[in-house]
Amino acid sequence: MRRQAKRDDDSISLKRFLSEVQKYPNLVSRAHYISVSANSEAWLCECGEPDFDEMAGKGAPCIPSALVESHLDELETAVAGIEHYVDRRVAHYDNRGLAKPTPTLGELTAALRTLEKLVMFYWLFLKGASMTSMLSTIQRDWQAIFRFEWMLEHRGDNAEVF
């Protein structure tokens, strides 16, 4: 989470992405959003214009700078306390101690939800696909390994068979 809040030129982060979108709004444009679904089924193509209108504003050619600014503020607010804690206690042990209170699990959860919300919002703009969550989904039966006999019973001749 701390990494996503860095804006350094050598960082690959959500904050840097948002800063670039704010500087170059055409990175998230209506034309790109419509082109992503151009080869899709007809009903999906018809949804492009109204969807973009709903997210960016009626007739807007690209995402409004004010919206990106609000997302940057939201990200900074969400990670501020956690970033301070990680900088002073997790990444490095700073002898100065903490200047802010230790974040709670609720604050951590709220920050993670904010990151998730922002990533899902821009994912839709850039990929044309929506997500309901960023939680990973286990796609195989992870308990299968526990359902087969991996040690055989003792034989009558006192020899163990593995």
N, C-alpha and C. Protein backbone atom coordinates (compact mmCIF):
# COMPACT_ATOMS: atom_id res chain seq x y z
N MET A 1 0.82 -1.18 0.00
CA MET A 1 0.00 0.00 0.00
C MET A 1 0.88 1.25 0.00
N ARG A 2 1.92 1.22 0.78
CA ARG A 2 2.82 2.38 0.86
C ARG A 2 3.42 2.68 -0.50
N ARG A 3 3.77 1.64 -1.22
CA ARG A 3 4.37 1.81 -2.55
C ARG A 3 3.40 2.47 -3.52
N GLN A 4 2.13 2.17 -3.40
CA GLN A 4 1.13 2.74 -4.31
C GLN A 4 0.93 4.24 -4.08
N ALA A 5 1.39 4.74 -2.95
CA ALA A 5 1.23 6.16 -2.61
C ALA A 5 2.47 6.99 -2.93
N LYS A 6 3.45 6.38 -3.59
CA LYS A 6 4.68 7.10 -3.95
C LYS A 6 4.54 7.70 -5.35
N ARG A 7 5.11 8.87 -5.54
CA ARG A 7 4.99 9.56 -6.83
C ARG A 7 6.35 9.72 -7.50
N ASP A 8 7.40 9.14 -6.99
CA ASP A 8 8.74 9.30 -7.55
C ASP A 8 8.76 8.94 -9.03
N ASP A 9 9.69 9.55 -9.76
CA ASP A 9 9.81 9.26 -11.19
C ASP A 9 10.18 7.82 -11.48
N ASP A 10 10.83 7.16 -10.52
CA ASP A 10 11.22 5.77 -10.74
C ASP A 10 10.21 4.79 -10.11
N SER A 11 9.10 5.30 -9.64
CA SER A 11 8.08 4.43 -9.03
C SER A 11 7.01 4.06 -10.05
N ILE A 12 6.55 2.85 -9.93
CA ILE A 12 5.36 2.42 -10.67
C ILE A 12 4.29 2.28 -9.62
N SER A 13 3.37 3.24 -9.59
CA SER A 13 2.40 3.26 -8.52
C SER A 13 1.08 3.86 -8.99
N LEU A 14 0.06 3.67 -8.19
CA LEU A 14 -1.24 4.25 -8.47
C LEU A 14 -1.17 5.77 -8.42
N LYS A 15 -0.45 6.31 -7.46
CA LYS A 15 -0.34 7.76 -7.33
C LYS A 15 0.36 8.37 -8.54
N ARG A 16 1.38 7.72 -9.02
CA ARG A 16 2.08 8.24 -10.20
C ARG A 16 1.18 8.14 -11.42
N PHE A 17 0.43 7.05 -11.53
CA PHE A 17 -0.51 6.90 -12.64
C PHE A 17 -1.53 8.04 -12.62
N LEU A 18 -2.11 8.29 -11.45
CA LEU A 18 -3.10 9.36 -11.33
C LEU A 18 -2.48 10.73 -11.66
N SER A 19 -1.26 10.94 -11.25
CA SER A 19 -0.57 12.19 -11.56
C SER A 19 -0.38 12.35 -13.07
N GLU A 20 -0.03 11.26 -13.73
CA GLU A 20 0.14 11.29 -15.19
C GLU A 20 -1.19 11.54 -15.89
N VAL A 21 -2.26 10.93 -15.40
CA VAL A 21 -3.58 11.14 -15.99
C VAL A 21 -4.01 12.58 -15.78
N GLN A 22 -3.69 13.14 -14.64
CA GLN A 22 -4.03 14.53 -14.38
C GLN A 22 -3.26 15.46 -15.34
N LYS A 23 -2.01 15.13 -15.58
CA LYS A 23 -1.17 15.95 -16.46
C LYS A 23 -1.56 15.75 -17.93
N TYR A 24 -1.88 14.50 -18.29
CA TYR A 24 -2.23 14.15 -19.67
C TYR A 24 -3.60 13.46 -19.69
N PRO A 25 -4.68 14.22 -19.62
CA PRO A 25 -6.02 13.62 -19.50
C PRO A 25 -6.41 12.71 -20.67
N ASN A 26 -5.78 12.89 -21.82
CA ASN A 26 -6.11 12.04 -22.97
C ASN A 26 -5.69 10.59 -22.78
N LEU A 27 -4.91 10.31 -21.72
CA LEU A 27 -4.56 8.92 -21.43
C LEU A 27 -5.81 8.10 -21.13
N VAL A 28 -6.83 8.75 -20.59
CA VAL A 28 -8.09 8.08 -20.28
C VAL A 28 -9.17 8.82 -21.08
N SER A 29 -9.29 8.45 -22.33
CA SER A 29 -10.19 9.17 -23.23
C SER A 29 -11.42 8.35 -23.59
N ARG A 30 -12.44 9.06 -24.03
CA ARG A 30 -13.66 8.43 -24.53
C ARG A 30 -13.34 7.55 -25.74
N ALA A 31 -12.51 8.07 -26.64
CA ALA A 31 -12.16 7.33 -27.86
C ALA A 31 -11.54 5.98 -27.52
N HIS A 32 -10.61 5.98 -26.56
CA HIS A 32 -9.99 4.71 -26.17
C HIS A 32 -11.01 3.77 -25.55
N TYR A 33 -11.83 4.30 -24.65
CA TYR A 33 -12.83 3.48 -23.97
C TYR A 33 -13.79 2.84 -24.98
N ILE A 34 -14.22 3.61 -25.97
CA ILE A 34 -15.13 3.08 -26.99
C ILE A 34 -14.40 2.05 -27.86
N SER A 35 -13.13 2.28 -28.16
CA SER A 35 -12.37 1.36 -29.02
C SER A 35 -12.14 0.00 -28.36
N VAL A 36 -12.08 -0.01 -27.04
CA VAL A 36 -11.84 -1.27 -26.33
C VAL A 36 -12.98 -2.26 -26.59
N SER A 37 -14.19 -1.74 -26.69
CA SER A 37 -15.33 -2.64 -26.89
C SER A 37 -15.81 -2.68 -28.34
N ALA A 38 -15.05 -2.09 -29.27
CA ALA A 38 -15.47 -1.98 -30.67
C ALA A 38 -15.74 -3.34 -31.31
N ASN A 39 -14.99 -4.36 -30.96
CA ASN A 39 -15.17 -5.68 -31.57
C ASN A 39 -16.03 -6.61 -30.73
N SER A 40 -16.75 -6.05 -29.78
CA SER A 40 -17.59 -6.85 -28.90
C SER A 40 -18.99 -6.97 -29.48
N GLU A 41 -19.84 -7.64 -28.73
CA GLU A 41 -21.23 -7.79 -29.15
C GLU A 41 -21.90 -6.42 -29.22
N ALA A 42 -22.94 -6.31 -30.03
CA ALA A 42 -23.61 -5.04 -30.29
C ALA A 42 -24.09 -4.36 -29.01
N TRP A 43 -24.68 -5.13 -28.11
CA TRP A 43 -25.22 -4.53 -26.88
C TRP A 43 -24.12 -3.91 -26.03
N LEU A 44 -22.94 -4.52 -26.07
CA LEU A 44 -21.82 -3.99 -25.30
C LEU A 44 -21.29 -2.71 -25.93
N CYS A 45 -21.25 -2.66 -27.26
CA CYS A 45 -20.81 -1.45 -27.95
C CYS A 45 -21.76 -0.29 -27.65
N GLU A 46 -23.03 -0.57 -27.56
CA GLU A 46 -24.03 0.47 -27.29
C GLU A 46 -23.89 1.04 -25.87
N CYS A 47 -23.32 0.28 -24.97
CA CYS A 47 -23.16 0.73 -23.57
C CYS A 47 -22.00 1.70 -23.40
N GLY A 48 -21.05 1.73 -24.34
CA GLY A 48 -19.83 2.52 -24.20
C GLY A 48 -20.06 3.99 -23.95
N GLU A 49 -20.82 4.64 -24.82
CA GLU A 49 -21.08 6.08 -24.69
C GLU A 49 -21.77 6.43 -23.37
N PRO A 50 -22.91 5.77 -23.06
CA PRO A 50 -23.58 6.11 -21.79
C PRO A 50 -22.71 5.81 -20.56
N ASP A 51 -21.93 4.73 -20.61
CA ASP A 51 -21.05 4.41 -19.48
C ASP A 51 -20.01 5.50 -19.27
N PHE A 52 -19.39 5.94 -20.36
CA PHE A 52 -18.38 6.98 -20.24
C PHE A 52 -19.00 8.28 -19.75
N ASP A 53 -20.21 8.59 -20.27
CA ASP A 53 -20.93 9.79 -19.80
C ASP A 53 -21.15 9.74 -18.30
N GLU A 54 -21.54 8.56 -17.81
CA GLU A 54 -21.81 8.41 -16.38
C GLU A 54 -20.55 8.58 -15.53
N MET A 55 -19.43 8.08 -16.03
CA MET A 55 -18.20 8.12 -15.25
C MET A 55 -17.44 9.44 -15.39
N ALA A 56 -17.44 10.03 -16.59
CA ALA A 56 -16.62 11.21 -16.84
C ALA A 56 -17.42 12.48 -17.05
N GLY A 57 -18.70 12.35 -17.30
CA GLY A 57 -19.54 13.52 -17.56
C GLY A 57 -20.05 13.50 -18.99
N LYS A 58 -21.24 13.99 -19.18
CA LYS A 58 -21.91 13.96 -20.49
C LYS A 58 -21.06 14.66 -21.55
N GLY A 59 -20.70 13.90 -22.58
CA GLY A 59 -19.96 14.44 -23.71
C GLY A 59 -18.49 14.73 -23.47
N ALA A 60 -17.97 14.45 -22.28
CA ALA A 60 -16.56 14.73 -21.99
C ALA A 60 -15.66 13.87 -22.87
N PRO A 61 -14.65 14.47 -23.52
CA PRO A 61 -13.75 13.69 -24.37
C PRO A 61 -12.75 12.85 -23.58
N CYS A 62 -12.51 13.24 -22.33
CA CYS A 62 -11.58 12.51 -21.47
C CYS A 62 -12.00 12.71 -20.02
N ILE A 63 -11.32 12.03 -19.16
CA ILE A 63 -11.66 12.12 -17.74
C ILE A 63 -11.35 13.53 -17.22
N PRO A 64 -12.26 14.13 -16.47
CA PRO A 64 -12.03 15.49 -15.98
C PRO A 64 -10.88 15.56 -14.97
N SER A 65 -10.09 16.60 -15.07
CA SER A 65 -8.96 16.81 -14.17
C SER A 65 -9.42 16.91 -12.72
N ALA A 66 -10.58 17.52 -12.50
CA ALA A 66 -11.09 17.66 -11.13
C ALA A 66 -11.39 16.30 -10.51
N LEU A 67 -11.87 15.36 -11.31
CA LEU A 67 -12.14 14.01 -10.80
C LEU A 67 -10.84 13.32 -10.42
N VAL A 68 -9.83 13.45 -11.26
CA VAL A 68 -8.53 12.84 -10.97
C VAL A 68 -7.94 13.47 -9.71
N GLU A 69 -8.08 14.78 -9.59
CA GLU A 69 -7.59 15.48 -8.39
C GLU A 69 -8.27 14.96 -7.14
N SER A 70 -9.57 14.73 -7.22
CA SER A 70 -10.29 14.19 -6.05
C SER A 70 -9.82 12.77 -5.73
N HIS A 71 -9.50 11.99 -6.76
CA HIS A 71 -8.97 10.64 -6.54
C HIS A 71 -7.59 10.69 -5.90
N LEU A 72 -6.76 11.63 -6.33
CA LEU A 72 -5.44 11.79 -5.71
C LEU A 72 -5.57 12.16 -4.24
N ASP A 73 -6.47 13.09 -3.95
CA ASP A 73 -6.70 13.50 -2.56
C ASP A 73 -7.20 12.32 -1.73
N GLU A 74 -8.11 11.56 -2.31
CA GLU A 74 -8.68 10.40 -1.62
C GLU A 74 -7.59 9.38 -1.30
N LEU A 75 -6.71 9.13 -2.26
CA LEU A 75 -5.61 8.19 -2.07
C LEU A 75 -4.66 8.70 -0.98
N GLU A 76 -4.28 9.95 -1.05
CA GLU A 76 -3.36 10.52 -0.05
C GLU A 76 -3.95 10.46 1.35
N THR A 77 -5.22 10.80 1.47
CA THR A 77 -5.89 10.76 2.77
C THR A 77 -5.95 9.34 3.32
N ALA A 78 -6.26 8.38 2.44
CA ALA A 78 -6.43 6.99 2.87
C ALA A 78 -5.14 6.38 3.39
N VAL A 79 -4.02 6.72 2.79
CA VAL A 79 -2.77 6.06 3.17
C VAL A 79 -1.87 6.89 4.08
N ALA A 80 -2.26 8.11 4.40
CA ALA A 80 -1.39 9.01 5.16
C ALA A 80 -0.91 8.41 6.48
N GLY A 81 -1.81 7.98 7.33
CA GLY A 81 -1.42 7.43 8.63
C GLY A 81 -0.67 6.12 8.51
N ILE A 82 -1.06 5.31 7.57
CA ILE A 82 -0.42 4.01 7.39
C ILE A 82 0.99 4.19 6.83
N GLU A 83 1.13 5.11 5.89
CA GLU A 83 2.44 5.38 5.30
C GLU A 83 3.43 5.86 6.36
N HIS A 84 2.99 6.72 7.23
CA HIS A 84 3.84 7.23 8.31
C HIS A 84 4.30 6.07 9.20
N TYR A 85 3.37 5.22 9.58
CA TYR A 85 3.69 4.08 10.45
C TYR A 85 4.69 3.14 9.77
N VAL A 86 4.43 2.82 8.51
CA VAL A 86 5.32 1.90 7.79
C VAL A 86 6.71 2.52 7.63
N ASP A 87 6.76 3.81 7.32
CA ASP A 87 8.07 4.48 7.17
C ASP A 87 8.88 4.46 8.46
N ARG A 88 8.19 4.58 9.59
CA ARG A 88 8.91 4.70 10.87
C ARG A 88 9.04 3.40 11.64
N ARG A 89 8.26 2.38 11.31
CA ARG A 89 8.31 1.14 12.10
C ARG A 89 8.50 -0.14 11.29
N VAL A 90 8.01 -0.19 10.07
CA VAL A 90 8.08 -1.44 9.32
C VAL A 90 9.27 -1.44 8.35
N ALA A 91 9.33 -0.46 7.47
CA ALA A 91 10.41 -0.40 6.49
C ALA A 91 11.75 -0.07 7.15
N HIS A 92 11.71 0.81 8.14
CA HIS A 92 12.90 1.23 8.89
C HIS A 92 12.47 1.45 10.33
N TYR A 93 13.36 1.16 11.26
CA TYR A 93 13.03 1.47 12.65
C TYR A 93 13.64 2.82 12.96
N ASP A 94 12.77 3.82 13.01
CA ASP A 94 13.21 5.20 13.22
C ASP A 94 13.25 5.50 14.71
N ASN A 95 14.39 5.93 15.22
CA ASN A 95 14.56 6.23 16.64
C ASN A 95 13.71 7.41 17.11
N ARG A 96 13.25 8.23 16.18
CA ARG A 96 12.41 9.37 16.57
C ARG A 96 11.03 8.93 17.06
N GLY A 97 10.67 7.71 16.76
CA GLY A 97 9.35 7.23 17.17
C GLY A 97 8.27 7.71 16.22
N LEU A 98 7.04 7.48 16.64
CA LEU A 98 5.90 7.85 15.81
C LEU A 98 5.43 9.26 16.15
N ALA A 99 5.16 10.04 15.12
CA ALA A 99 4.63 11.39 15.31
C ALA A 99 3.10 11.38 15.18
N LYS A 100 2.57 10.27 14.71
CA LYS A 100 1.12 10.11 14.55
C LYS A 100 0.71 8.83 15.26
N PRO A 101 -0.55 8.69 15.61
CA PRO A 101 -0.99 7.45 16.28
C PRO A 101 -0.83 6.23 15.38
N THR A 102 -0.65 5.08 16.01
CA THR A 102 -0.56 3.82 15.28
C THR A 102 -1.89 3.57 14.59
N PRO A 103 -1.86 3.25 13.29
CA PRO A 103 -3.12 3.02 12.58
C PRO A 103 -3.82 1.76 13.08
N THR A 104 -5.12 1.78 13.01
CA THR A 104 -5.93 0.63 13.42
C THR A 104 -6.16 -0.29 12.23
N LEU A 105 -6.65 -1.49 12.51
CA LEU A 105 -6.99 -2.40 11.41
C LEU A 105 -8.13 -1.82 10.57
N GLY A 106 -9.01 -1.08 11.21
CA GLY A 106 -10.10 -0.42 10.47
C GLY A 106 -9.56 0.60 9.47
N GLU A 107 -8.54 1.36 9.88
CA GLU A 107 -7.93 2.33 8.97
C GLU A 107 -7.20 1.64 7.83
N LEU A 108 -6.55 0.53 8.15
CA LEU A 108 -5.88 -0.26 7.12
C LEU A 108 -6.90 -0.80 6.12
N THR A 109 -7.99 -1.34 6.63
CA THR A 109 -9.06 -1.87 5.76
C THR A 109 -9.64 -0.77 4.89
N ALA A 110 -9.89 0.39 5.48
CA ALA A 110 -10.45 1.51 4.72
C ALA A 110 -9.48 1.95 3.62
N ALA A 111 -8.19 1.98 3.92
CA ALA A 111 -7.19 2.36 2.92
C ALA A 111 -7.14 1.35 1.78
N LEU A 112 -7.20 0.07 2.12
CA LEU A 112 -7.20 -0.97 1.09
C LEU A 112 -8.45 -0.88 0.22
N ARG A 113 -9.57 -0.57 0.82
CA ARG A 113 -10.82 -0.41 0.05
C ARG A 113 -10.72 0.79 -0.90
N THR A 114 -10.09 1.85 -0.45
CA THR A 114 -9.91 3.03 -1.31
C THR A 114 -9.04 2.67 -2.50
N LEU A 115 -7.93 1.98 -2.26
CA LEU A 115 -7.07 1.55 -3.36
C LEU A 115 -7.84 0.66 -4.32
N GLU A 116 -8.59 -0.28 -3.79
CA GLU A 116 -9.37 -1.20 -4.62
C GLU A 116 -10.36 -0.42 -5.48
N LYS A 117 -11.07 0.52 -4.87
CA LYS A 117 -12.07 1.31 -5.59
C LYS A 117 -11.44 2.08 -6.74
N LEU A 118 -10.30 2.71 -6.48
CA LEU A 118 -9.63 3.50 -7.52
C LEU A 118 -9.10 2.62 -8.65
N VAL A 119 -8.49 1.51 -8.29
CA VAL A 119 -7.96 0.60 -9.33
C VAL A 119 -9.11 0.07 -10.19
N MET A 120 -10.21 -0.33 -9.57
CA MET A 120 -11.33 -0.87 -10.34
C MET A 120 -11.94 0.21 -11.24
N PHE A 121 -11.99 1.45 -10.78
CA PHE A 121 -12.52 2.55 -11.58
C PHE A 121 -11.69 2.74 -12.85
N TYR A 122 -10.37 2.84 -12.71
CA TYR A 122 -9.51 3.07 -13.87
C TYR A 122 -9.33 1.81 -14.70
N TRP A 123 -9.45 0.66 -14.10
CA TRP A 123 -9.37 -0.59 -14.86
C TRP A 123 -10.48 -0.62 -15.91
N LEU A 124 -11.66 -0.20 -15.51
CA LEU A 124 -12.79 -0.16 -16.44
C LEU A 124 -12.49 0.80 -17.59
N PHE A 125 -11.95 1.98 -17.29
CA PHE A 125 -11.61 2.94 -18.34
C PHE A 125 -10.57 2.39 -19.31
N LEU A 126 -9.56 1.74 -18.79
CA LEU A 126 -8.43 1.32 -19.62
C LEU A 126 -8.62 -0.02 -20.29
N LYS A 127 -9.30 -0.93 -19.62
CA LYS A 127 -9.46 -2.28 -20.14
C LYS A 127 -10.85 -2.57 -20.69
N GLY A 128 -11.82 -1.75 -20.30
CA GLY A 128 -13.19 -1.98 -20.76
C GLY A 128 -13.84 -3.15 -20.06
N ALA A 129 -13.24 -3.63 -19.00
CA ALA A 129 -13.78 -4.76 -18.24
C ALA A 129 -13.95 -4.32 -16.79
N SER A 130 -15.03 -4.75 -16.19
CA SER A 130 -15.25 -4.35 -14.80
C SER A 130 -14.90 -5.49 -13.86
N MET A 131 -14.61 -5.11 -12.63
CA MET A 131 -14.35 -6.08 -11.57
C MET A 131 -15.27 -5.74 -10.41
N THR A 132 -15.64 -6.74 -9.65
CA THR A 132 -16.44 -6.48 -8.46
C THR A 132 -15.56 -6.44 -7.23
N SER A 133 -14.35 -6.99 -7.35
CA SER A 133 -13.41 -7.02 -6.24
C SER A 133 -12.03 -7.32 -6.78
N MET A 134 -11.02 -6.93 -6.01
CA MET A 134 -9.65 -7.27 -6.40
C MET A 134 -9.13 -8.45 -5.60
N LEU A 135 -9.97 -9.03 -4.77
CA LEU A 135 -9.55 -10.19 -4.01
C LEU A 135 -9.26 -11.34 -4.97
N SER A 136 -8.17 -12.02 -4.74
CA SER A 136 -7.86 -13.15 -5.61
C SER A 136 -8.83 -14.29 -5.32
N THR A 137 -9.10 -15.04 -6.33
CA THR A 137 -10.02 -16.15 -6.22
C THR A 137 -9.25 -17.45 -6.41
N ILE A 138 -9.38 -18.35 -5.46
CA ILE A 138 -8.75 -19.65 -5.60
C ILE A 138 -9.58 -20.43 -6.60
N GLN A 139 -8.95 -20.83 -7.69
CA GLN A 139 -9.69 -21.44 -8.78
C GLN A 139 -9.60 -22.96 -8.80
N ARG A 140 -8.82 -23.50 -7.92
CA ARG A 140 -8.71 -24.96 -7.83
C ARG A 140 -9.07 -25.38 -6.42
N ASP A 141 -9.34 -26.63 -6.26
CA ASP A 141 -9.69 -27.17 -4.95
C ASP A 141 -8.42 -27.31 -4.13
N TRP A 142 -8.12 -26.33 -3.30
CA TRP A 142 -6.88 -26.32 -2.54
C TRP A 142 -6.88 -27.39 -1.45
N GLN A 143 -8.03 -27.94 -1.12
CA GLN A 143 -8.11 -28.96 -0.09
C GLN A 143 -7.91 -30.37 -0.66
N ALA A 144 -7.80 -30.49 -1.97
CA ALA A 144 -7.67 -31.80 -2.60
C ALA A 144 -6.45 -32.57 -2.08
N ILE A 145 -5.38 -31.90 -1.77
CA ILE A 145 -4.17 -32.56 -1.29
C ILE A 145 -4.41 -33.32 0.02
N PHE A 146 -5.42 -32.91 0.77
CA PHE A 146 -5.72 -33.55 2.04
C PHE A 146 -6.69 -34.72 1.91
N ARG A 147 -7.12 -35.00 0.70
CA ARG A 147 -8.14 -36.03 0.50
C ARG A 147 -7.61 -37.35 -0.05
N PHE A 148 -6.32 -37.51 -0.14
CA PHE A 148 -5.81 -38.80 -0.57
C PHE A 148 -4.83 -39.33 0.47
N GLU A 149 -4.73 -40.62 0.49
CA GLU A 149 -3.89 -41.27 1.48
C GLU A 149 -2.44 -41.16 1.03
N TRP A 150 -1.65 -40.45 1.80
CA TRP A 150 -0.27 -40.25 1.40
C TRP A 150 0.69 -41.08 2.23
N MET A 151 0.23 -41.69 3.31
CA MET A 151 1.03 -42.65 4.06
C MET A 151 0.19 -43.91 4.18
N LEU A 152 0.76 -45.01 3.78
CA LEU A 152 0.03 -46.27 3.84
C LEU A 152 0.09 -46.85 5.24
N GLU A 153 -0.83 -47.71 5.54
CA GLU A 153 -0.89 -48.37 6.84
C GLU A 153 0.32 -49.28 7.02
N HIS A 154 0.61 -49.64 8.28
CA HIS A 154 1.69 -50.59 8.57
C HIS A 154 1.32 -51.95 8.02
N ARG A 155 2.34 -52.64 7.49
CA ARG A 155 2.10 -54.01 7.04
C ARG A 155 2.29 -54.95 8.21
N GLY A 156 1.84 -56.14 8.05
CA GLY A 156 1.95 -57.15 9.10
C GLY A 156 3.38 -57.50 9.44
N ASP A 157 4.33 -57.32 8.50
CA ASP A 157 5.72 -57.72 8.77
C ASP A 157 6.53 -56.59 9.41
N ASN A 158 5.87 -55.64 10.01
CA ASN A 158 6.48 -54.52 10.74
C ASN A 158 7.27 -53.57 9.83
N ALA A 159 7.13 -53.66 8.51
CA ALA A 159 7.81 -52.74 7.60
C ALA A 159 6.83 -51.60 7.25
N GLU A 160 7.34 -50.42 7.30
CA GLU A 160 6.49 -49.29 6.92
C GLU A 160 6.63 -49.03 5.43
N VAL A 161 5.53 -48.79 4.80
CA VAL A 161 5.55 -48.47 3.37
C VAL A 161 5.09 -47.02 3.21
N PHE A 162 5.90 -46.27 2.52
CA PHE A 162 5.55 -44.87 2.29
C PHE A 162 5.19 -44.65 0.85
